[in-house]
Amino acid sequence: MHKRILPVVALGAAATLGLAACAGGATESGTDGEGQELTVWIMKGTNPDATAFYDKVSAAFEEETGATVNIEEIQWADAHDRFVTSIAGQTTPDIAETGTTWTAEFADAGALEPLDEYVDAEKGLRDDLVEGLAVAGTYDDELYGMPWYAGVRSIVYRTDVFEELGLEAPKTWDDIVTAGEAIKAAKPDMLPFPVAGDAEFQVYPWVWGAGGEIATQDGDEWTSELDSKESQAGIEFYTGLATEYGFSSAGATTWKETDLRDAFTQGNVAMMLSGSWTPKALIEANPDLEGKIGAAVIPGEDGGIAPSVLGGSHLSVFNTTKNPDLAWEFVKLMTTGEFAEQWSNETGYFPGVQSAMEEALASTDPLVAPFAEQMVDGGASVPVTPNFGAVQAKKTTNSMIQAILSGQKDVATATKDAAAEMTELLNQ
């Protein structure tokens, strides 16, 4: 069966296993790369100070191994097609950042090197991996994506509005409704909790929070369970924030997450689901929000934590590389120790290894601690199959939500249709 909730093993000895890089960020290596060059593709835009970071990591790697690194930044929008073309033409880089929903697809295409042998050779590293990222990077029981960085969505809300109205961060679904109704009554120009219709990862926490599933696997067969009683209850609640309680707007039916964040920065939204990487950007877009933003875990129906999609990226080694051992040394350098921590600090994402997450997990920062708790206790993965990309391309989940929000279909019909389409796509 598909594993849904992916709790991270608590920090303990892993934090002191010596995985941190030695002076200058380099890890000890017996690999001789003198005169060799690695080509690395990294997605553009995640790190605002990427050039300085790349210079530092490249210098450390050359000092450690003697090899040089050619890091090329790729636009996210163009990346998938470029990967597909390069895989077909056997022109892939030595190493590349692969999104968590792509790794299984590229592994299934036979383009990636398995990394288990390398990971298991590093004492304690296997247990140090953030489990949700490791699961997403595993295909046919082999690890093809080394966890690099991760982000998770939680509730982001206006603390000043909540304080003014005597409200507390919601701990149940009923609390969301209670807060929303108070905000709607006191501030009619503000959307209490808009439902963005073109934002797939906003949907799944409510499915999981009601005890439902996106899809489950039995042998080689996948079955979508978006139309199960539990999933329908979660989707009914989520869409009901708009259709029943009026916490959203008709315009939000076509919103993407970026539209949701824009509305928040304009002061028009009181609560929303948003990523751990966004609070800083929200304040940069509107400095008046400084000190007025809080975060809270997404509650399950009756409390606890509803799982939220653990997004992020892996570093993968492509099988066209001439020196997989050298490629692994670069992957290890980037994903563990000093450089993992530096990347996390500069981007606002969490590291892919727990030992580098120690500071975040111990944080009392109200814009860090709830996201860290969500990631550790409620980080989850979409179905790990190369065919899930087809589901996303078809926008199966988004179309379902939009049909409900627009009144074209009721929840029962929309979920039944979506489940049938998803099941067909997952088994192609």
Protein backbone atom coordinates (compact mmCIF):
# COMPACT_ATOMS: atom_id res chain seq x y z
CA MET A 1 0.00 0.00 0.00
CA HIS A 2 1.12 3.55 -0.66
CA LYS A 3 2.62 5.11 2.44
CA ARG A 4 1.04 8.44 3.21
CA ILE A 5 2.19 9.96 6.48
CA LEU A 6 5.93 10.10 6.67
CA PRO A 7 7.13 11.09 10.14
CA VAL A 8 10.76 12.03 10.42
CA VAL A 9 12.79 10.04 12.91
CA ALA A 10 13.50 12.22 15.93
CA LEU A 11 16.91 13.88 16.12
CA GLY A 12 19.29 12.08 18.38
CA ALA A 13 22.66 10.62 17.67
CA ALA A 14 22.28 11.62 14.01
CA ALA A 15 22.96 15.22 14.93
CA THR A 16 26.43 14.29 16.20
CA LEU A 17 27.41 11.67 13.67
CA GLY A 18 30.08 13.83 12.11
CA LEU A 19 28.09 14.34 8.91
CA ALA A 20 28.85 18.03 9.00
CA ALA A 21 31.47 19.19 6.57
CA CYS A 22 34.98 19.84 7.73
CA ALA A 23 36.68 23.22 7.43
CA GLY A 24 35.67 25.13 4.34
CA GLY A 25 32.66 22.88 3.82
CA ALA A 26 34.55 19.97 2.27
CA THR A 27 33.99 16.41 3.38
CA GLU A 28 36.84 13.95 3.49
CA SER A 29 37.06 11.95 0.30
CA GLY A 30 39.37 9.43 -1.22
CA THR A 31 38.10 10.20 -4.72
CA ASP A 32 40.69 11.62 -7.09
CA GLY A 33 39.12 13.89 -9.64
CA GLU A 34 42.22 15.74 -10.79
CA GLY A 35 41.65 17.20 -14.25
CA GLN A 36 38.00 16.09 -14.43
CA GLU A 37 34.91 18.30 -14.72
CA LEU A 38 31.35 17.65 -13.63
CA THR A 39 28.33 19.28 -15.24
CA VAL A 40 25.52 20.10 -12.82
CA TRP A 41 22.04 21.46 -13.57
CA ILE A 42 20.38 23.43 -10.79
CA MET A 43 16.99 25.12 -10.99
CA LYS A 44 17.11 28.90 -11.17
CA GLY A 45 15.51 31.14 -8.59
CA THR A 46 15.43 29.00 -5.44
CA ASN A 47 18.48 30.73 -3.96
CA PRO A 48 18.68 34.52 -4.38
CA ASP A 49 22.42 34.44 -3.66
CA ALA A 50 23.19 31.44 -5.83
CA THR A 51 26.36 32.76 -7.47
CA ALA A 52 28.20 33.25 -4.19
CA PHE A 53 27.02 29.86 -2.98
CA TYR A 54 28.11 28.07 -6.16
CA ASP A 55 31.52 29.73 -6.05
CA LYS A 56 32.06 28.57 -2.50
CA VAL A 57 30.90 24.99 -3.00
CA SER A 58 32.85 24.67 -6.26
CA ALA A 59 36.05 25.87 -4.60
CA ALA A 60 35.58 23.44 -1.71
CA PHE A 61 34.94 20.56 -4.10
CA GLU A 62 38.02 21.33 -6.19
CA GLU A 63 40.15 21.55 -3.06
CA GLU A 64 38.79 18.21 -1.87
CA THR A 65 38.91 16.21 -5.10
CA GLY A 66 40.89 18.20 -7.67
CA ALA A 67 37.85 18.25 -9.98
CA THR A 68 36.08 21.32 -11.30
CA VAL A 69 32.34 21.88 -11.52
CA ASN A 70 30.30 23.55 -14.23
CA ILE A 71 27.00 24.57 -12.62
CA GLU A 72 24.30 25.60 -15.06
CA GLU A 73 21.05 27.19 -13.89
CA ILE A 74 17.87 25.94 -15.57
CA GLN A 75 14.45 27.58 -15.51
CA TRP A 76 11.85 25.45 -13.74
CA ALA A 77 9.35 26.09 -16.53
CA ASP A 78 11.68 24.63 -19.16
CA ALA A 79 13.38 21.98 -17.06
CA HIS A 80 11.13 18.96 -17.55
CA ASP A 81 11.15 19.16 -21.34
CA ARG A 82 14.89 19.70 -21.31
CA PHE A 83 15.38 16.62 -19.15
CA VAL A 84 13.20 14.50 -21.41
CA THR A 85 15.13 15.64 -24.49
CA SER A 86 18.52 15.10 -22.89
CA ILE A 87 17.53 11.63 -21.62
CA ALA A 88 16.42 10.63 -25.12
CA GLY A 89 19.65 11.93 -26.62
CA GLN A 90 21.95 10.62 -23.86
CA THR A 91 23.16 14.17 -23.23
CA THR A 92 22.21 14.44 -19.57
CA PRO A 93 24.47 16.22 -17.06
CA ASP A 94 26.47 14.32 -14.48
CA ILE A 95 24.24 15.60 -11.68
CA ALA A 96 20.99 17.54 -11.57
CA GLU A 97 18.40 18.88 -9.21
CA THR A 98 15.25 16.85 -9.76
CA GLY A 99 11.88 17.87 -8.37
CA THR A 100 10.37 15.31 -6.03
CA THR A 101 7.64 14.36 -8.50
CA TRP A 102 10.17 13.88 -11.33
CA THR A 103 12.70 11.54 -9.75
CA ALA A 104 10.59 8.39 -10.10
CA GLU A 105 9.82 9.28 -13.71
CA PHE A 106 13.50 9.66 -14.65
CA ALA A 107 14.41 6.51 -12.70
CA ASP A 108 11.71 4.60 -14.55
CA ALA A 109 13.24 5.84 -17.82
CA GLY A 110 16.52 4.24 -16.78
CA ALA A 111 18.35 7.56 -16.66
CA LEU A 112 19.50 7.64 -13.03
CA GLU A 113 22.16 5.90 -10.96
CA PRO A 114 20.94 4.20 -7.76
CA LEU A 115 22.48 5.82 -4.69
CA ASP A 116 21.88 3.22 -1.97
CA GLU A 117 25.44 1.91 -2.03
CA TYR A 118 26.84 5.39 -1.50
CA VAL A 119 24.36 6.39 1.19
CA ASP A 120 24.83 3.17 3.13
CA ALA A 121 28.62 3.58 3.02
CA GLU A 122 28.30 6.82 5.01
CA LYS A 123 27.89 5.99 8.67
CA GLY A 124 24.48 7.06 9.95
CA LEU A 125 23.47 8.88 6.77
CA ARG A 126 20.55 6.59 5.92
CA ASP A 127 18.82 7.31 9.22
CA ASP A 128 19.60 11.01 8.90
CA LEU A 129 17.62 11.50 5.68
CA VAL A 130 14.33 13.37 5.94
CA GLU A 131 12.01 10.44 5.42
CA GLY A 132 9.40 12.15 3.26
CA LEU A 133 12.07 13.23 0.78
CA ALA A 134 13.73 9.82 0.87
CA VAL A 135 10.43 8.07 0.09
CA ALA A 136 9.78 10.46 -2.79
CA GLY A 137 13.27 9.72 -4.11
CA THR A 138 12.81 5.94 -3.95
CA TYR A 139 11.55 3.91 -6.92
CA ASP A 140 11.29 0.12 -7.02
CA ASP A 141 12.94 0.00 -3.59
CA GLU A 142 16.05 1.87 -4.72
CA LEU A 143 17.05 5.43 -3.85
CA TYR A 144 17.58 7.58 -6.94
CA GLY A 145 17.16 11.04 -5.42
CA MET A 146 19.35 12.23 -2.58
CA PRO A 147 17.24 14.54 -0.37
CA TRP A 148 18.49 18.11 -0.76
CA TYR A 149 15.91 20.58 0.48
CA ALA A 150 12.25 20.60 1.36
CA GLY A 151 9.33 22.85 2.03
CA VAL A 152 5.88 22.21 3.40
CA ARG A 153 2.60 24.13 3.47
CA SER A 154 0.93 25.15 6.70
CA ILE A 155 -1.60 27.79 7.69
CA VAL A 156 -0.36 31.37 7.41
CA TYR A 157 -2.56 33.98 9.04
CA ARG A 158 -2.79 37.60 10.09
CA THR A 159 -1.88 37.69 13.77
CA ASP A 160 -3.01 41.31 14.13
CA VAL A 161 -6.50 40.42 12.91
CA PHE A 162 -6.70 37.40 15.20
CA GLU A 163 -5.54 39.42 18.20
CA GLU A 164 -7.99 42.23 17.45
CA LEU A 165 -10.89 39.77 17.35
CA GLY A 166 -9.72 37.68 20.30
CA LEU A 167 -9.05 34.61 18.14
CA GLU A 168 -6.44 31.88 18.49
CA ALA A 169 -4.76 29.87 15.74
CA PRO A 170 -7.17 27.08 14.71
CA LYS A 171 -6.57 23.63 16.17
CA THR A 172 -9.57 21.88 14.55
CA TRP A 173 -11.71 22.34 11.46
CA ASP A 174 -14.46 23.81 13.61
CA ASP A 175 -11.95 26.41 14.82
CA ILE A 176 -11.31 27.43 11.20
CA VAL A 177 -15.01 27.98 10.68
CA THR A 178 -15.40 29.89 13.97
CA ALA A 179 -12.48 32.18 13.14
CA GLY A 180 -13.65 32.63 9.58
CA GLU A 181 -17.15 33.65 10.63
CA ALA A 182 -15.78 36.18 13.13
CA ILE A 183 -13.50 37.69 10.49
CA LYS A 184 -16.27 37.77 7.88
CA ALA A 185 -18.55 39.65 10.27
CA ALA A 186 -15.95 42.14 11.50
CA LYS A 187 -14.02 42.69 8.27
CA PRO A 188 -16.30 42.21 5.26
CA ASP A 189 -13.62 43.43 2.85
CA MET A 190 -11.24 40.62 3.88
CA LEU A 191 -11.45 37.00 2.66
CA PRO A 192 -11.31 34.78 5.77
CA PHE A 193 -9.98 31.67 3.94
CA PRO A 194 -9.98 31.78 0.13
CA VAL A 195 -10.09 28.48 -1.76
CA ALA A 196 -7.71 28.63 -4.73
CA GLY A 197 -9.12 26.44 -7.49
CA ASP A 198 -5.92 25.97 -9.46
CA ALA A 199 -3.68 24.87 -6.59
CA GLU A 200 -3.44 21.09 -6.30
CA PHE A 201 -1.30 20.83 -3.18
CA GLN A 202 -3.80 22.96 -1.23
CA VAL A 203 -6.33 20.14 -1.56
CA TYR A 204 -4.58 17.05 -0.21
CA PRO A 205 -4.20 18.09 3.46
CA TRP A 206 -8.02 18.08 3.76
CA VAL A 207 -8.23 14.65 2.13
CA TRP A 208 -5.59 13.26 4.49
CA GLY A 209 -6.94 15.21 7.47
CA ALA A 210 -10.25 13.39 7.10
CA GLY A 211 -8.52 10.01 6.88
CA GLY A 212 -8.72 9.72 3.09
CA GLU A 213 -6.09 8.97 0.46
CA ILE A 214 -5.13 10.30 -2.95
CA ALA A 215 -4.44 6.82 -4.29
CA THR A 216 -3.29 3.45 -3.02
CA GLN A 217 -1.25 0.71 -4.67
CA ASP A 218 -1.94 -3.02 -4.71
CA GLY A 219 0.77 -4.86 -6.58
CA ASP A 220 1.23 -2.97 -9.84
CA GLU A 221 -2.24 -1.44 -9.78
CA TRP A 222 -3.07 2.01 -8.48
CA THR A 223 -6.55 3.05 -7.39
CA SER A 224 -7.50 6.64 -6.68
CA GLU A 225 -9.50 7.04 -3.49
CA LEU A 226 -10.57 10.64 -3.98
CA ASP A 227 -14.15 9.35 -4.01
CA SER A 228 -13.95 7.44 -0.73
CA LYS A 229 -16.24 8.54 2.09
CA GLU A 230 -13.30 10.01 4.01
CA SER A 231 -11.81 11.87 1.04
CA GLN A 232 -15.20 13.26 0.11
CA ALA A 233 -15.64 14.57 3.66
CA GLY A 234 -12.35 16.42 3.48
CA ILE A 235 -13.08 17.87 0.05
CA GLU A 236 -16.60 18.80 1.19
CA PHE A 237 -15.14 20.77 4.09
CA TYR A 238 -12.46 22.49 2.03
CA THR A 239 -14.69 23.57 -0.83
CA GLY A 240 -17.41 24.38 1.69
CA LEU A 241 -15.24 27.18 3.05
CA ALA A 242 -16.22 28.88 -0.20
CA THR A 243 -19.58 27.40 -1.17
CA GLU A 244 -21.15 27.09 2.29
CA TYR A 245 -19.46 29.68 4.47
CA GLY A 246 -18.57 32.33 1.91
CA PHE A 247 -14.97 32.67 3.08
CA SER A 248 -13.66 32.87 -0.49
CA SER A 249 -14.63 34.66 -3.71
CA ALA A 250 -15.77 33.66 -7.18
CA GLY A 251 -12.49 34.94 -8.59
CA ALA A 252 -10.50 32.54 -6.44
CA THR A 253 -11.96 29.64 -8.43
CA THR A 254 -9.14 30.12 -10.98
CA TRP A 255 -6.43 31.26 -8.56
CA LYS A 256 -3.01 29.66 -8.40
CA GLU A 257 -0.96 29.77 -5.21
CA THR A 258 0.80 32.88 -6.49
CA ASP A 259 -2.58 34.63 -6.77
CA LEU A 260 -3.38 33.60 -3.22
CA ARG A 261 -0.11 35.06 -1.95
CA ASP A 262 -0.63 38.27 -3.94
CA ALA A 263 -4.03 38.75 -2.32
CA PHE A 264 -2.49 38.15 1.11
CA THR A 265 0.25 40.73 0.56
CA GLN A 266 -2.40 43.22 -0.52
CA GLY A 267 -4.09 42.80 2.85
CA ASN A 268 -7.15 41.03 1.46
CA VAL A 269 -6.71 37.60 3.09
CA ALA A 270 -6.82 36.55 6.75
CA MET A 271 -5.89 32.84 6.49
CA MET A 272 -4.40 30.67 3.75
CA LEU A 273 -2.26 27.64 3.18
CA SER A 274 1.23 28.70 2.15
CA GLY A 275 4.73 27.31 2.01
CA SER A 276 7.47 27.53 4.61
CA TRP A 277 9.52 29.45 2.06
CA THR A 278 6.96 32.26 1.62
CA PRO A 279 6.70 34.37 4.83
CA LYS A 280 9.90 36.24 4.11
CA ALA A 281 8.72 36.98 0.57
CA LEU A 282 5.33 38.15 1.85
CA ILE A 283 6.97 40.69 4.12
CA GLU A 284 9.37 41.79 1.40
CA ALA A 285 6.39 42.39 -0.90
CA ASN A 286 4.58 44.36 1.81
CA PRO A 287 6.80 45.59 4.67
CA ASP A 288 3.67 46.67 6.56
CA LEU A 289 3.06 42.96 7.27
CA GLU A 290 6.18 42.77 9.45
CA GLY A 291 5.11 41.39 12.83
CA LYS A 292 1.58 40.70 11.58
CA ILE A 293 2.06 37.20 10.15
CA GLY A 294 1.83 33.93 12.04
CA ALA A 295 1.93 30.27 11.08
CA ALA A 296 0.17 27.20 12.44
CA VAL A 297 0.10 23.53 11.54
CA ILE A 298 -2.85 22.41 9.42
CA PRO A 299 -5.21 20.72 11.87
CA GLY A 300 -6.88 17.41 11.32
CA GLU A 301 -10.66 17.39 11.50
CA ASP A 302 -10.74 16.94 15.26
CA GLY A 303 -7.23 18.12 16.09
CA GLY A 304 -3.69 16.96 15.68
CA ILE A 305 -1.85 17.61 12.43
CA ALA A 306 -3.19 16.97 8.94
CA PRO A 307 -0.45 15.75 6.59
CA SER A 308 0.78 18.26 4.04
CA VAL A 309 2.67 17.59 0.82
CA LEU A 310 6.39 17.64 1.43
CA GLY A 311 7.75 19.37 -1.65
CA GLY A 312 11.31 20.11 -2.57
CA SER A 313 14.14 18.66 -4.57
CA HIS A 314 16.63 15.84 -4.81
CA LEU A 315 20.08 15.75 -6.30
CA SER A 316 20.33 12.85 -8.73
CA VAL A 317 23.27 11.30 -10.56
CA PHE A 318 22.61 10.50 -14.21
CA ASN A 319 23.93 7.27 -15.67
CA THR A 320 25.74 9.10 -18.47
CA THR A 321 28.34 10.31 -15.98
CA LYS A 322 31.84 8.96 -16.52
CA ASN A 323 32.66 8.99 -12.83
CA PRO A 324 29.70 8.18 -10.56
CA ASP A 325 31.95 8.05 -7.49
CA LEU A 326 33.09 11.62 -8.12
CA ALA A 327 29.50 12.69 -8.83
CA TRP A 328 28.40 11.25 -5.49
CA GLU A 329 31.11 13.21 -3.68
CA PHE A 330 29.62 16.42 -5.05
CA VAL A 331 26.09 15.34 -4.13
CA LYS A 332 27.24 14.54 -0.59
CA LEU A 333 28.98 17.89 -0.29
CA MET A 334 25.86 19.77 -1.36
CA THR A 335 23.34 17.84 0.73
CA THR A 336 25.09 17.34 4.09
CA GLY A 337 26.89 19.51 6.57
CA GLU A 338 27.78 23.16 6.13
CA PHE A 339 26.53 23.60 2.60
CA ALA A 340 23.17 22.00 3.32
CA GLU A 341 22.73 24.43 6.20
CA GLN A 342 23.88 27.43 4.16
CA TRP A 343 21.50 26.61 1.30
CA SER A 344 18.64 26.26 3.77
CA ASN A 345 19.44 29.58 5.45
CA GLU A 346 19.65 31.42 2.14
CA THR A 347 16.51 29.96 0.56
CA GLY A 348 14.09 29.55 3.44
CA TYR A 349 13.69 25.83 2.72
CA PHE A 350 14.50 23.05 5.16
CA PRO A 351 17.54 20.77 4.61
CA GLY A 352 17.11 17.20 3.41
CA VAL A 353 19.05 15.74 6.34
CA GLN A 354 17.88 15.96 9.91
CA SER A 355 21.27 16.85 11.36
CA ALA A 356 21.19 20.08 9.37
CA MET A 357 17.61 20.74 10.57
CA GLU A 358 18.54 20.85 14.23
CA GLU A 359 18.33 24.64 14.45
CA ALA A 360 14.94 24.79 12.75
CA LEU A 361 13.49 22.04 14.93
CA ALA A 362 14.62 23.88 18.07
CA SER A 363 13.45 27.27 16.84
CA THR A 364 10.95 29.36 18.75
CA ASP A 365 10.48 31.68 15.77
CA PRO A 366 6.71 31.75 15.10
CA LEU A 367 7.40 31.70 11.36
CA VAL A 368 9.76 28.72 11.56
CA ALA A 369 8.67 26.40 14.37
CA PRO A 370 5.14 25.57 13.06
CA PHE A 371 6.49 24.70 9.61
CA ALA A 372 9.21 22.52 11.15
CA GLU A 373 6.57 20.73 13.23
CA GLN A 374 4.39 20.27 10.15
CA MET A 375 7.31 18.83 8.22
CA VAL A 376 8.44 16.47 10.98
CA ASP A 377 5.05 15.24 12.17
CA GLY A 378 2.94 15.81 9.07
CA GLY A 379 5.11 15.68 5.95
CA ALA A 380 3.56 13.46 3.26
CA SER A 381 4.16 12.43 -0.32
CA VAL A 382 1.92 12.26 -3.36
CA PRO A 383 1.85 8.77 -4.95
CA VAL A 384 5.40 7.82 -5.88
CA THR A 385 4.97 6.66 -9.45
CA PRO A 386 6.27 7.97 -12.77
CA ASN A 387 2.65 8.32 -13.91
CA PHE A 388 1.71 10.92 -11.31
CA GLY A 389 3.14 13.55 -13.62
CA ALA A 390 0.39 12.69 -16.09
CA VAL A 391 -2.20 13.33 -13.38
CA GLN A 392 -0.68 16.73 -12.73
CA ALA A 393 -0.46 17.54 -16.43
CA LYS A 394 -4.15 16.68 -16.82
CA LYS A 395 -4.95 18.83 -13.78
CA THR A 396 -7.28 16.14 -12.52
CA THR A 397 -7.46 17.44 -8.96
CA ASN A 398 -7.69 21.11 -9.91
CA SER A 399 -10.49 20.44 -12.39
CA MET A 400 -12.38 18.56 -9.67
CA ILE A 401 -12.12 21.47 -7.24
CA GLN A 402 -13.05 24.05 -9.87
CA ALA A 403 -16.11 22.04 -10.89
CA ILE A 404 -17.30 22.03 -7.28
CA LEU A 405 -16.53 25.70 -6.65
CA SER A 406 -18.30 26.79 -9.82
CA GLY A 407 -21.37 24.68 -9.07
CA GLN A 408 -20.97 22.52 -12.17
CA LYS A 409 -20.78 19.34 -10.09
CA ASP A 410 -21.56 18.31 -6.55
CA VAL A 411 -18.81 16.77 -4.42
CA ALA A 412 -19.95 13.18 -5.00
CA THR A 413 -19.99 13.52 -8.78
CA ALA A 414 -16.79 15.55 -9.02
CA THR A 415 -14.79 13.18 -6.82
CA LYS A 416 -16.12 10.10 -8.62
CA ASP A 417 -15.14 11.54 -12.01
CA ALA A 418 -11.73 12.64 -10.76
CA ALA A 419 -11.01 9.26 -9.15
CA ALA A 420 -11.85 7.45 -12.37
CA GLU A 421 -9.60 9.71 -14.41
CA MET A 422 -6.75 9.52 -11.92
CA THR A 423 -6.93 5.72 -11.71
CA GLU A 424 -6.78 5.47 -15.50
CA LEU A 425 -3.79 7.83 -15.71
CA LEU A 426 -1.88 6.09 -12.92
CA ASN A 427 -2.16 2.73 -14.68
CA GLN A 428 -1.21 3.74 -18.19
